[in-house]
Amino acid sequence: MKIATTETIAGYVITKNLGVVIGNTIRARHVGKDILAGFRSLVG
């Protein structure tokens, strides 16, 4: 299985398109805030 962020891959035929994937990140400058941000990303 090949995973790519482009529409084509040289030398391969695309057989299945899984659609758009959306990600979310939270960045903090303080260690305590980093831990809290990690909990927030788990909860959503």
PDB file of N, CA and C in Angstrom:
ATOM      1  N   MET A   1       0.843  -1.168   0.000  1.00  0.00           N
ATOM      2  CA  MET A   1       0.000   0.000   0.000  1.00  0.00           C
ATOM      3  C   MET A   1       0.894   1.239   0.000  1.00  0.00           C
ATOM      4  N   LYS A   2       0.601   2.143  -0.873  1.00  0.00           N
ATOM      5  CA  LYS A   2       1.294   3.430  -0.949  1.00  0.00           C
ATOM      6  C   LYS A   2       0.336   4.514  -0.471  1.00  0.00           C
ATOM      7  N   ILE A   3       0.850   5.421   0.336  1.00  0.00           N
ATOM      8  CA  ILE A   3       0.066   6.558   0.808  1.00  0.00           C
ATOM      9  C   ILE A   3       0.744   7.816   0.307  1.00  0.00           C
ATOM     10  N   ALA A   4      -0.025   8.702  -0.314  1.00  0.00           N
ATOM     11  CA  ALA A   4       0.547   9.918  -0.887  1.00  0.00           C
ATOM     12  C   ALA A   4      -0.414  11.080  -0.706  1.00  0.00           C
ATOM     13  N   THR A   5       0.141  12.283  -0.798  1.00  0.00           N
ATOM     14  CA  THR A   5      -0.675  13.493  -0.718  1.00  0.00           C
ATOM     15  C   THR A   5      -0.861  14.134  -2.086  1.00  0.00           C
ATOM     16  N   THR A   6      -0.425  13.460  -3.114  1.00  0.00           N
ATOM     17  CA  THR A   6      -0.574  13.981  -4.470  1.00  0.00           C
ATOM     18  C   THR A   6      -1.644  13.194  -5.213  1.00  0.00           C
ATOM     19  N   GLU A   7      -2.095  13.731  -6.341  1.00  0.00           N
ATOM     20  CA  GLU A   7      -3.138  13.066  -7.112  1.00  0.00           C
ATOM     21  C   GLU A   7      -2.598  11.927  -7.962  1.00  0.00           C
ATOM     22  N   THR A   8      -1.299  11.943  -8.278  1.00  0.00           N
ATOM     23  CA  THR A   8      -0.704  10.890  -9.098  1.00  0.00           C
ATOM     24  C   THR A   8       0.619  10.453  -8.495  1.00  0.00           C
ATOM     25  N   ILE A   9       0.989   9.207  -8.784  1.00  0.00           N
ATOM     26  CA  ILE A   9       2.291   8.672  -8.385  1.00  0.00           C
ATOM     27  C   ILE A   9       2.901   8.060  -9.636  1.00  0.00           C
ATOM     28  N   ALA A  10       4.088   8.511 -10.002  1.00  0.00           N
ATOM     29  CA  ALA A  10       4.725   8.036 -11.226  1.00  0.00           C
ATOM     30  C   ALA A  10       4.937   6.526 -11.158  1.00  0.00           C
ATOM     31  N   GLY A  11       4.483   5.816 -12.190  1.00  0.00           N
ATOM     32  CA  GLY A  11       4.683   4.375 -12.275  1.00  0.00           C
ATOM     33  C   GLY A  11       3.626   3.543 -11.572  1.00  0.00           C
ATOM     34  N   TYR A  12       2.588   4.166 -10.991  1.00  0.00           N
ATOM     35  CA  TYR A  12       1.538   3.443 -10.274  1.00  0.00           C
ATOM     36  C   TYR A  12       0.168   3.848 -10.788  1.00  0.00           C
ATOM     37  N   VAL A  13      -0.784   2.955 -10.641  1.00  0.00           N
ATOM     38  CA  VAL A  13      -2.174   3.244 -10.978  1.00  0.00           C
ATOM     39  C   VAL A  13      -2.948   3.348  -9.669  1.00  0.00           C
ATOM     40  N   ILE A  14      -3.664   4.447  -9.474  1.00  0.00           N
ATOM     41  CA  ILE A  14      -4.440   4.658  -8.252  1.00  0.00           C
ATOM     42  C   ILE A  14      -5.752   3.893  -8.383  1.00  0.00           C
ATOM     43  N   THR A  15      -6.005   2.978  -7.421  1.00  0.00           N
ATOM     44  CA  THR A  15      -7.212   2.160  -7.481  1.00  0.00           C
ATOM     45  C   THR A  15      -8.260   2.578  -6.470  1.00  0.00           C
ATOM     46  N   LYS A  16      -7.866   3.329  -5.435  1.00  0.00           N
ATOM     47  CA  LYS A  16      -8.823   3.724  -4.405  1.00  0.00           C
ATOM     48  C   LYS A  16      -8.435   5.086  -3.853  1.00  0.00           C
ATOM     49  N   ASN A  17      -9.417   5.986  -3.776  1.00  0.00           N
ATOM     50  CA  ASN A  17      -9.215   7.312  -3.216  1.00  0.00           C
ATOM     51  C   ASN A  17     -10.026   7.392  -1.926  1.00  0.00           C
ATOM     52  N   LEU A  18      -9.361   7.647  -0.799  1.00  0.00           N
ATOM     53  CA  LEU A  18     -10.038   7.657   0.492  1.00  0.00           C
ATOM     54  C   LEU A  18     -10.627   9.014   0.846  1.00  0.00           C
ATOM     55  N   GLY A  19     -10.348  10.036   0.077  1.00  0.00           N
ATOM     56  CA  GLY A  19     -10.944  11.345   0.314  1.00  0.00           C
ATOM     57  C   GLY A  19     -10.035  12.284   1.083  1.00  0.00           C
ATOM     58  N   VAL A  20     -10.632  13.357   1.585  1.00  0.00           N
ATOM     59  CA  VAL A  20      -9.900  14.411   2.270  1.00  0.00           C
ATOM     60  C   VAL A  20      -9.704  14.035   3.736  1.00  0.00           C
ATOM     61  N   VAL A  21      -8.509  14.275   4.232  1.00  0.00           N
ATOM     62  CA  VAL A  21      -8.196  14.020   5.636  1.00  0.00           C
ATOM     63  C   VAL A  21      -7.881  15.347   6.292  1.00  0.00           C
ATOM     64  N   ILE A  22      -8.467  15.592   7.463  1.00  0.00           N
ATOM     65  CA  ILE A  22      -8.259  16.852   8.176  1.00  0.00           C
ATOM     66  C   ILE A  22      -7.582  16.553   9.504  1.00  0.00           C
ATOM     67  N   GLY A  23      -6.542  17.314   9.832  1.00  0.00           N
ATOM     68  CA  GLY A  23      -5.835  17.131  11.091  1.00  0.00           C
ATOM     69  C   GLY A  23      -5.920  18.376  11.958  1.00  0.00           C
ATOM     70  N   ASN A  24      -5.565  18.216  13.220  1.00  0.00           N
ATOM     71  CA  ASN A  24      -5.632  19.317  14.172  1.00  0.00           C
ATOM     72  C   ASN A  24      -4.442  19.217  15.113  1.00  0.00           C
ATOM     73  N   THR A  25      -3.740  20.316  15.311  1.00  0.00           N
ATOM     74  CA  THR A  25      -2.619  20.337  16.252  1.00  0.00           C
ATOM     75  C   THR A  25      -2.758  21.544  17.162  1.00  0.00           C
ATOM     76  N   ILE A  26      -2.272  21.386  18.361  1.00  0.00           N
ATOM     77  CA  ILE A  26      -2.249  22.491  19.324  1.00  0.00           C
ATOM     78  C   ILE A  26      -0.813  22.621  19.809  1.00  0.00           C
ATOM     79  N   ARG A  27      -0.252  23.816  19.731  1.00  0.00           N
ATOM     80  CA  ARG A  27       1.121  24.044  20.171  1.00  0.00           C
ATOM     81  C   ARG A  27       1.137  25.043  21.318  1.00  0.00           C
ATOM     82  N   ALA A  28       1.908  24.718  22.337  1.00  0.00           N
ATOM     83  CA  ALA A  28       2.026  25.606  23.491  1.00  0.00           C
ATOM     84  C   ALA A  28       3.506  25.813  23.806  1.00  0.00           C
ATOM     85  N   ARG A  29       3.825  26.882  24.509  1.00  0.00           N
ATOM     86  CA  ARG A  29       5.211  27.194  24.810  1.00  0.00           C
ATOM     87  C   ARG A  29       5.654  26.706  26.180  1.00  0.00           C
ATOM     88  N   HIS A  30       4.743  26.390  27.041  1.00  0.00           N
ATOM     89  CA  HIS A  30       5.065  25.987  28.403  1.00  0.00           C
ATOM     90  C   HIS A  30       4.784  24.496  28.578  1.00  0.00           C
ATOM     91  N   VAL A  31       5.589  23.785  29.366  1.00  0.00           N
ATOM     92  CA  VAL A  31       5.437  22.344  29.538  1.00  0.00           C
ATOM     93  C   VAL A  31       4.056  21.995  30.089  1.00  0.00           C
ATOM     94  N   GLY A  32       3.593  22.720  31.090  1.00  0.00           N
ATOM     95  CA  GLY A  32       2.264  22.476  31.643  1.00  0.00           C
ATOM     96  C   GLY A  32       1.176  22.694  30.623  1.00  0.00           C
ATOM     97  N   LYS A  33       1.352  23.717  29.798  1.00  0.00           N
ATOM     98  CA  LYS A  33       0.381  23.980  28.745  1.00  0.00           C
ATOM     99  C   LYS A  33       0.435  22.894  27.676  1.00  0.00           C
ATOM    100  N   ASP A  34       1.631  22.334  27.422  1.00  0.00           N
ATOM    101  CA  ASP A  34       1.753  21.245  26.460  1.00  0.00           C
ATOM    102  C   ASP A  34       0.953  20.025  26.909  1.00  0.00           C
ATOM    103  N   ILE A  35       1.019  19.702  28.193  1.00  0.00           N
ATOM    104  CA  ILE A  35       0.275  18.560  28.713  1.00  0.00           C
ATOM    105  C   ILE A  35      -1.227  18.829  28.593  1.00  0.00           C
ATOM    106  N   LEU A  36      -1.648  20.024  28.973  1.00  0.00           N
ATOM    107  CA  LEU A  36      -3.056  20.391  28.862  1.00  0.00           C
ATOM    108  C   LEU A  36      -3.524  20.361  27.409  1.00  0.00           C
ATOM    109  N   ALA A  37      -2.678  20.806  26.493  1.00  0.00           N
ATOM    110  CA  ALA A  37      -3.029  20.779  25.079  1.00  0.00           C
ATOM    111  C   ALA A  37      -3.168  19.332  24.579  1.00  0.00           C
ATOM    112  N   GLY A  38      -2.341  18.445  25.091  1.00  0.00           N
ATOM    113  CA  GLY A  38      -2.461  17.036  24.715  1.00  0.00           C
ATOM    114  C   GLY A  38      -3.794  16.455  25.162  1.00  0.00           C
ATOM    115  N   PHE A  39      -4.222  16.783  26.381  1.00  0.00           N
ATOM    116  CA  PHE A  39      -5.527  16.331  26.859  1.00  0.00           C
ATOM    117  C   PHE A  39      -6.659  16.939  26.020  1.00  0.00           C
ATOM    118  N   ARG A  40      -6.506  18.184  25.637  1.00  0.00           N
ATOM    119  CA  ARG A  40      -7.532  18.832  24.824  1.00  0.00           C
ATOM    120  C   ARG A  40      -7.647  18.156  23.461  1.00  0.00           C
ATOM    121  N   SER A  41      -6.510  17.756  22.881  1.00  0.00           N
ATOM    122  CA  SER A  41      -6.564  17.115  21.569  1.00  0.00           C
ATOM    123  C   SER A  41      -7.180  15.723  21.663  1.00  0.00           C
ATOM    124  N   LEU A  42      -7.027  15.048  22.794  1.00  0.00           N
ATOM    125  CA  LEU A  42      -7.660  13.743  22.970  1.00  0.00           C
ATOM    126  C   LEU A  42      -9.179  13.885  23.102  1.00  0.00           C
ATOM    127  N   VAL A  43      -9.606  14.907  23.830  1.00  0.00           N
ATOM    128  CA  VAL A  43     -11.033  15.114  24.052  1.00  0.00           C
ATOM    129  C   VAL A  43     -11.701  15.661  22.795  1.00  0.00           C
ATOM    130  N   GLY A  44     -10.998  16.518  22.110  1.00  0.00           N
ATOM    131  CA  GLY A  44     -11.544  17.072  20.869  1.00  0.00           C
ATOM    132  C   GLY A  44     -11.955  18.469  21.085  1.00  0.00           C
TER     133      GLY A  44
END
